[in-house]
Amino acid sequence: MQDLIAIAEKIAENLVARGETIAVAESSTGGLISASLLAVPGASAYFLGGAVVYTRDARRILMDIPDEAMKGIRSASERYAELLASQIRQRFSTVWGLSETGATGPTGNRYGDAAGHCCMAVAGPQSAATTLETGSSDRLANMHEFAAAALNLLLQNVSR
């Protein structure tokens, strides 16, 4: 967790310096991204909230994304990660939105993605999405890798 907090500290420094805010929608990391950002003293200056969007019901209830809006979009894809990042940013009225969705393991997901597959996105003044394939079926290791990758994607964008 210390390595995640080290990344979060750099993110916090950038956000606080510019008076910017963030909200997080994560799935397979189960709250690790939010926990990392919240572990930094003074997090209330930039972290407005987050959601663990692990199921279809969570997507509908927490993110207000109806099934109709998912037509042509599958979970665990960059397009879905972009939708989550944009929606969490809008719902919390933050400068930045960060999302993650994937398959931690030990098996793949119902969409055909292998364990170790993760998509993440940042929405804000700069937007980006990327896919990570760890090639591992180690659930806990993947959760950690996914969180680190999402935090690094955010850091790259808030540092511009």
C-alpha atoms as a PDB file:
ATOM      1  CA  MET A   1       0.000   0.000   0.000  1.00  0.00           C
ATOM      2  CA  GLN A   2       2.917   2.350   0.662  1.00  0.00           C
ATOM      3  CA  ASP A   3       3.797   2.469  -3.037  1.00  0.00           C
ATOM      4  CA  LEU A   4       0.187   3.430  -3.870  1.00  0.00           C
ATOM      5  CA  ILE A   5       0.247   6.167  -1.238  1.00  0.00           C
ATOM      6  CA  ALA A   6       3.509   7.507  -2.697  1.00  0.00           C
ATOM      7  CA  ILE A   7       1.763   7.986  -6.048  1.00  0.00           C
ATOM      8  CA  ALA A   8      -1.283   9.473  -4.319  1.00  0.00           C
ATOM      9  CA  GLU A   9       0.925  12.007  -2.520  1.00  0.00           C
ATOM     10  CA  LYS A  10       2.196  13.308  -5.873  1.00  0.00           C
ATOM     11  CA  ILE A  11      -1.373  13.489  -7.174  1.00  0.00           C
ATOM     12  CA  ALA A  12      -2.477  15.344  -4.035  1.00  0.00           C
ATOM     13  CA  GLU A  13       0.357  17.846  -4.405  1.00  0.00           C
ATOM     14  CA  ASN A  14      -0.763  18.671  -7.949  1.00  0.00           C
ATOM     15  CA  LEU A  15      -4.463  18.851  -7.124  1.00  0.00           C
ATOM     16  CA  VAL A  16      -4.012  21.000  -4.018  1.00  0.00           C
ATOM     17  CA  ALA A  17      -1.619  23.385  -5.799  1.00  0.00           C
ATOM     18  CA  ARG A  18      -4.225  23.996  -8.508  1.00  0.00           C
ATOM     19  CA  GLY A  19      -7.319  23.842  -6.311  1.00  0.00           C
ATOM     20  CA  GLU A  20      -8.687  20.875  -8.274  1.00  0.00           C
ATOM     21  CA  THR A  21     -10.900  18.004  -7.161  1.00  0.00           C
ATOM     22  CA  ILE A  22     -11.330  14.299  -7.967  1.00  0.00           C
ATOM     23  CA  ALA A  23     -13.984  11.593  -7.698  1.00  0.00           C
ATOM     24  CA  VAL A  24     -13.331   7.891  -8.320  1.00  0.00           C
ATOM     25  CA  ALA A  25     -15.432   5.053  -9.748  1.00  0.00           C
ATOM     26  CA  GLU A  26     -13.655   1.745  -9.322  1.00  0.00           C
ATOM     27  CA  SER A  27     -14.661  -1.847  -9.713  1.00  0.00           C
ATOM     28  CA  SER A  28     -12.167  -4.661  -9.366  1.00  0.00           C
ATOM     29  CA  THR A  29      -9.802  -2.652  -7.149  1.00  0.00           C
ATOM     30  CA  GLY A  30     -12.543  -2.637  -4.522  1.00  0.00           C
ATOM     31  CA  GLY A  31     -11.694   0.770  -3.094  1.00  0.00           C
ATOM     32  CA  LEU A  32      -7.873   0.631  -3.170  1.00  0.00           C
ATOM     33  CA  ILE A  33      -7.665   3.694  -5.420  1.00  0.00           C
ATOM     34  CA  SER A  34      -9.878   5.752  -3.140  1.00  0.00           C
ATOM     35  CA  ALA A  35      -8.127   4.432  -0.018  1.00  0.00           C
ATOM     36  CA  SER A  36      -4.766   5.482  -1.445  1.00  0.00           C
ATOM     37  CA  LEU A  37      -5.971   8.996  -2.195  1.00  0.00           C
ATOM     38  CA  LEU A  38      -7.630   9.253   1.221  1.00  0.00           C
ATOM     39  CA  ALA A  39      -4.510   8.066   3.048  1.00  0.00           C
ATOM     40  CA  VAL A  40      -2.821  11.370   2.220  1.00  0.00           C
ATOM     41  CA  PRO A  41      -3.323  13.945   5.006  1.00  0.00           C
ATOM     42  CA  GLY A  42      -5.507  16.807   3.779  1.00  0.00           C
ATOM     43  CA  ALA A  43      -7.413  14.620   1.295  1.00  0.00           C
ATOM     44  CA  SER A  44     -10.613  16.534   1.988  1.00  0.00           C
ATOM     45  CA  ALA A  45      -9.157  19.412  -0.019  1.00  0.00           C
ATOM     46  CA  TYR A  46      -9.329  17.407  -3.249  1.00  0.00           C
ATOM     47  CA  PHE A  47     -11.184  14.084  -2.801  1.00  0.00           C
ATOM     48  CA  LEU A  48     -14.947  14.567  -3.053  1.00  0.00           C
ATOM     49  CA  GLY A  49     -16.091  10.947  -3.180  1.00  0.00           C
ATOM     50  CA  GLY A  50     -16.079   7.623  -4.860  1.00  0.00           C
ATOM     51  CA  ALA A  51     -17.976   4.446  -5.573  1.00  0.00           C
ATOM     52  CA  VAL A  52     -17.169   0.782  -5.933  1.00  0.00           C
ATOM     53  CA  VAL A  53     -19.170  -0.056  -9.045  1.00  0.00           C
ATOM     54  CA  TYR A  54     -18.813  -3.829  -8.962  1.00  0.00           C
ATOM     55  CA  THR A  55     -22.170  -4.957 -10.349  1.00  0.00           C
ATOM     56  CA  ARG A  56     -24.813  -3.962 -12.865  1.00  0.00           C
ATOM     57  CA  ASP A  57     -27.046  -2.875  -9.962  1.00  0.00           C
ATOM     58  CA  ALA A  58     -24.247  -0.688  -8.590  1.00  0.00           C
ATOM     59  CA  ARG A  59     -23.841   0.896 -12.023  1.00  0.00           C
ATOM     60  CA  ARG A  60     -27.537   1.750 -12.158  1.00  0.00           C
ATOM     61  CA  ILE A  61     -27.919   2.844  -8.533  1.00  0.00           C
ATOM     62  CA  LEU A  62     -24.604   4.571  -7.773  1.00  0.00           C
ATOM     63  CA  MET A  63     -23.720   5.914 -11.195  1.00  0.00           C
ATOM     64  CA  ASP A  64     -27.220   6.475 -12.618  1.00  0.00           C
ATOM     65  CA  ILE A  65     -26.235   4.718 -15.840  1.00  0.00           C
ATOM     66  CA  PRO A  66     -29.299   2.850 -17.114  1.00  0.00           C
ATOM     67  CA  ASP A  67     -29.081  -0.342 -19.154  1.00  0.00           C
ATOM     68  CA  GLU A  68     -30.136   1.601 -22.275  1.00  0.00           C
ATOM     69  CA  ALA A  69     -27.004   3.767 -22.016  1.00  0.00           C
ATOM     70  CA  MET A  70     -24.893   0.600 -22.162  1.00  0.00           C
ATOM     71  CA  LYS A  71     -26.068  -0.385 -25.656  1.00  0.00           C
ATOM     72  CA  GLY A  72     -22.940  -1.156 -27.677  1.00  0.00           C
ATOM     73  CA  ILE A  73     -20.691  -0.819 -24.605  1.00  0.00           C
ATOM     74  CA  ARG A  74     -19.399  -3.776 -22.656  1.00  0.00           C
ATOM     75  CA  SER A  75     -17.980  -3.714 -19.153  1.00  0.00           C
ATOM     76  CA  ALA A  76     -14.221  -4.106 -18.753  1.00  0.00           C
ATOM     77  CA  SER A  77     -13.584  -1.994 -21.868  1.00  0.00           C
ATOM     78  CA  GLU A  78     -11.927   1.377 -22.367  1.00  0.00           C
ATOM     79  CA  ARG A  79     -15.220   2.803 -23.591  1.00  0.00           C
ATOM     80  CA  TYR A  80     -16.953   1.728 -20.362  1.00  0.00           C
ATOM     81  CA  ALA A  81     -14.066   3.098 -18.280  1.00  0.00           C
ATOM     82  CA  GLU A  82     -14.433   6.437 -20.099  1.00  0.00           C
ATOM     83  CA  LEU A  83     -18.171   6.450 -19.377  1.00  0.00           C
ATOM     84  CA  LEU A  84     -17.573   5.743 -15.687  1.00  0.00           C
ATOM     85  CA  ALA A  85     -14.890   8.439 -15.373  1.00  0.00           C
ATOM     86  CA  SER A  86     -17.071  11.000 -17.090  1.00  0.00           C
ATOM     87  CA  GLN A  87     -20.148  10.075 -15.071  1.00  0.00           C
ATOM     88  CA  ILE A  88     -18.416  10.151 -11.662  1.00  0.00           C
ATOM     89  CA  ARG A  89     -16.885  13.515 -12.565  1.00  0.00           C
ATOM     90  CA  GLN A  90     -20.304  14.872 -13.517  1.00  0.00           C
ATOM     91  CA  ARG A  91     -22.121  13.420 -10.483  1.00  0.00           C
ATOM     92  CA  PHE A  92     -19.624  14.980  -8.049  1.00  0.00           C
ATOM     93  CA  SER A  93     -18.975  18.147 -10.109  1.00  0.00           C
ATOM     94  CA  THR A  94     -15.230  17.599  -9.877  1.00  0.00           C
ATOM     95  CA  VAL A  95     -12.427  18.721 -12.149  1.00  0.00           C
ATOM     96  CA  TRP A  96     -11.247  15.108 -12.548  1.00  0.00           C
ATOM     97  CA  GLY A  97     -12.900  11.704 -12.721  1.00  0.00           C
ATOM     98  CA  LEU A  98     -10.966   8.448 -12.507  1.00  0.00           C
ATOM     99  CA  SER A  99     -12.302   4.964 -13.196  1.00  0.00           C
ATOM    100  CA  GLU A 100     -11.163   1.355 -13.322  1.00  0.00           C
ATOM    101  CA  THR A 101     -12.892  -1.831 -14.481  1.00  0.00           C
ATOM    102  CA  GLY A 102     -11.436  -5.273 -14.961  1.00  0.00           C
ATOM    103  CA  ALA A 103     -11.025  -8.951 -14.108  1.00  0.00           C
ATOM    104  CA  THR A 104      -8.774  -9.575 -11.117  1.00  0.00           C
ATOM    105  CA  GLY A 105      -8.925 -13.359 -11.136  1.00  0.00           C
ATOM    106  CA  PRO A 106      -8.382 -16.099 -10.468  1.00  0.00           C
ATOM    107  CA  THR A 107     -10.521 -16.568 -13.583  1.00  0.00           C
ATOM    108  CA  GLY A 108     -11.533 -14.199 -16.342  1.00  0.00           C
ATOM    109  CA  ASN A 109     -14.843 -12.393 -16.624  1.00  0.00           C
ATOM    110  CA  ARG A 110     -18.014 -13.305 -18.479  1.00  0.00           C
ATOM    111  CA  TYR A 111     -17.020 -11.051 -21.409  1.00  0.00           C
ATOM    112  CA  GLY A 112     -14.090 -13.277 -22.345  1.00  0.00           C
ATOM    113  CA  ASP A 113     -11.322 -11.218 -20.752  1.00  0.00           C
ATOM    114  CA  ALA A 114      -8.598 -13.171 -18.991  1.00  0.00           C
ATOM    115  CA  ALA A 115      -7.692 -12.565 -15.373  1.00  0.00           C
ATOM    116  CA  GLY A 116      -5.334  -9.615 -15.227  1.00  0.00           C
ATOM    117  CA  HIS A 117      -7.330  -7.536 -17.745  1.00  0.00           C
ATOM    118  CA  CYS A 118      -8.071  -3.962 -16.656  1.00  0.00           C
ATOM    119  CA  CYS A 119      -9.279  -0.798 -18.356  1.00  0.00           C
ATOM    120  CA  MET A 120      -8.966   2.611 -16.738  1.00  0.00           C
ATOM    121  CA  ALA A 121      -9.806   6.160 -17.725  1.00  0.00           C
ATOM    122  CA  VAL A 122      -9.353   9.750 -16.639  1.00  0.00           C
ATOM    123  CA  ALA A 123     -11.883  12.455 -17.490  1.00  0.00           C
ATOM    124  CA  GLY A 124     -11.038  16.111 -17.015  1.00  0.00           C
ATOM    125  CA  PRO A 125      -9.091  18.895 -18.673  1.00  0.00           C
ATOM    126  CA  GLN A 126      -7.146  16.040 -20.280  1.00  0.00           C
ATOM    127  CA  SER A 127      -8.770  12.694 -20.861  1.00  0.00           C
ATOM    128  CA  ALA A 128      -7.134   9.331 -21.401  1.00  0.00           C
ATOM    129  CA  ALA A 129      -7.948   5.640 -21.343  1.00  0.00           C
ATOM    130  CA  THR A 130      -5.735   2.595 -21.378  1.00  0.00           C
ATOM    131  CA  THR A 131      -5.803  -1.166 -20.996  1.00  0.00           C
ATOM    132  CA  LEU A 132      -3.504  -3.225 -18.796  1.00  0.00           C
ATOM    133  CA  GLU A 133      -2.927  -6.973 -19.162  1.00  0.00           C
ATOM    134  CA  THR A 134      -0.890  -8.379 -16.272  1.00  0.00           C
ATOM    135  CA  GLY A 135      -1.012 -11.995 -17.470  1.00  0.00           C
ATOM    136  CA  SER A 136      -1.518 -13.042 -13.848  1.00  0.00           C
ATOM    137  CA  SER A 137      -4.412 -14.825 -12.145  1.00  0.00           C
ATOM    138  CA  ASP A 138      -3.334 -13.623  -8.678  1.00  0.00           C
ATOM    139  CA  ARG A 139      -6.381 -11.663  -7.500  1.00  0.00           C
ATOM    140  CA  LEU A 140      -4.685  -9.568  -4.801  1.00  0.00           C
ATOM    141  CA  ALA A 141      -1.643  -8.803  -6.936  1.00  0.00           C
ATOM    142  CA  ASN A 142      -3.912  -7.733  -9.799  1.00  0.00           C
ATOM    143  CA  MET A 143      -5.954  -5.475  -7.520  1.00  0.00           C
ATOM    144  CA  HIS A 144      -2.722  -3.770  -6.491  1.00  0.00           C
ATOM    145  CA  GLU A 145      -1.379  -3.549 -10.077  1.00  0.00           C
ATOM    146  CA  PHE A 146      -4.688  -2.135 -11.352  1.00  0.00           C
ATOM    147  CA  ALA A 147      -4.772   0.509  -8.598  1.00  0.00           C
ATOM    148  CA  ALA A 148      -1.158   1.524  -9.278  1.00  0.00           C
ATOM    149  CA  ALA A 149      -1.782   1.785 -13.005  1.00  0.00           C
ATOM    150  CA  ALA A 150      -4.933   3.890 -12.518  1.00  0.00           C
ATOM    151  CA  LEU A 151      -3.176   6.213 -10.069  1.00  0.00           C
ATOM    152  CA  ASN A 152      -0.233   6.586 -12.459  1.00  0.00           C
ATOM    153  CA  LEU A 153      -2.594   7.395 -15.334  1.00  0.00           C
ATOM    154  CA  LEU A 154      -4.184  10.077 -13.172  1.00  0.00           C
ATOM    155  CA  LEU A 155      -0.776  11.410 -12.118  1.00  0.00           C
ATOM    156  CA  GLN A 156       0.337  11.707 -15.740  1.00  0.00           C
ATOM    157  CA  ASN A 157      -2.733  13.771 -16.559  1.00  0.00           C
ATOM    158  CA  VAL A 158      -2.867  16.024 -13.486  1.00  0.00           C
ATOM    159  CA  SER A 159       0.844  16.797 -13.895  1.00  0.00           C
ATOM    160  CA  ARG A 160       0.386  18.431 -17.306  1.00  0.00           C
END
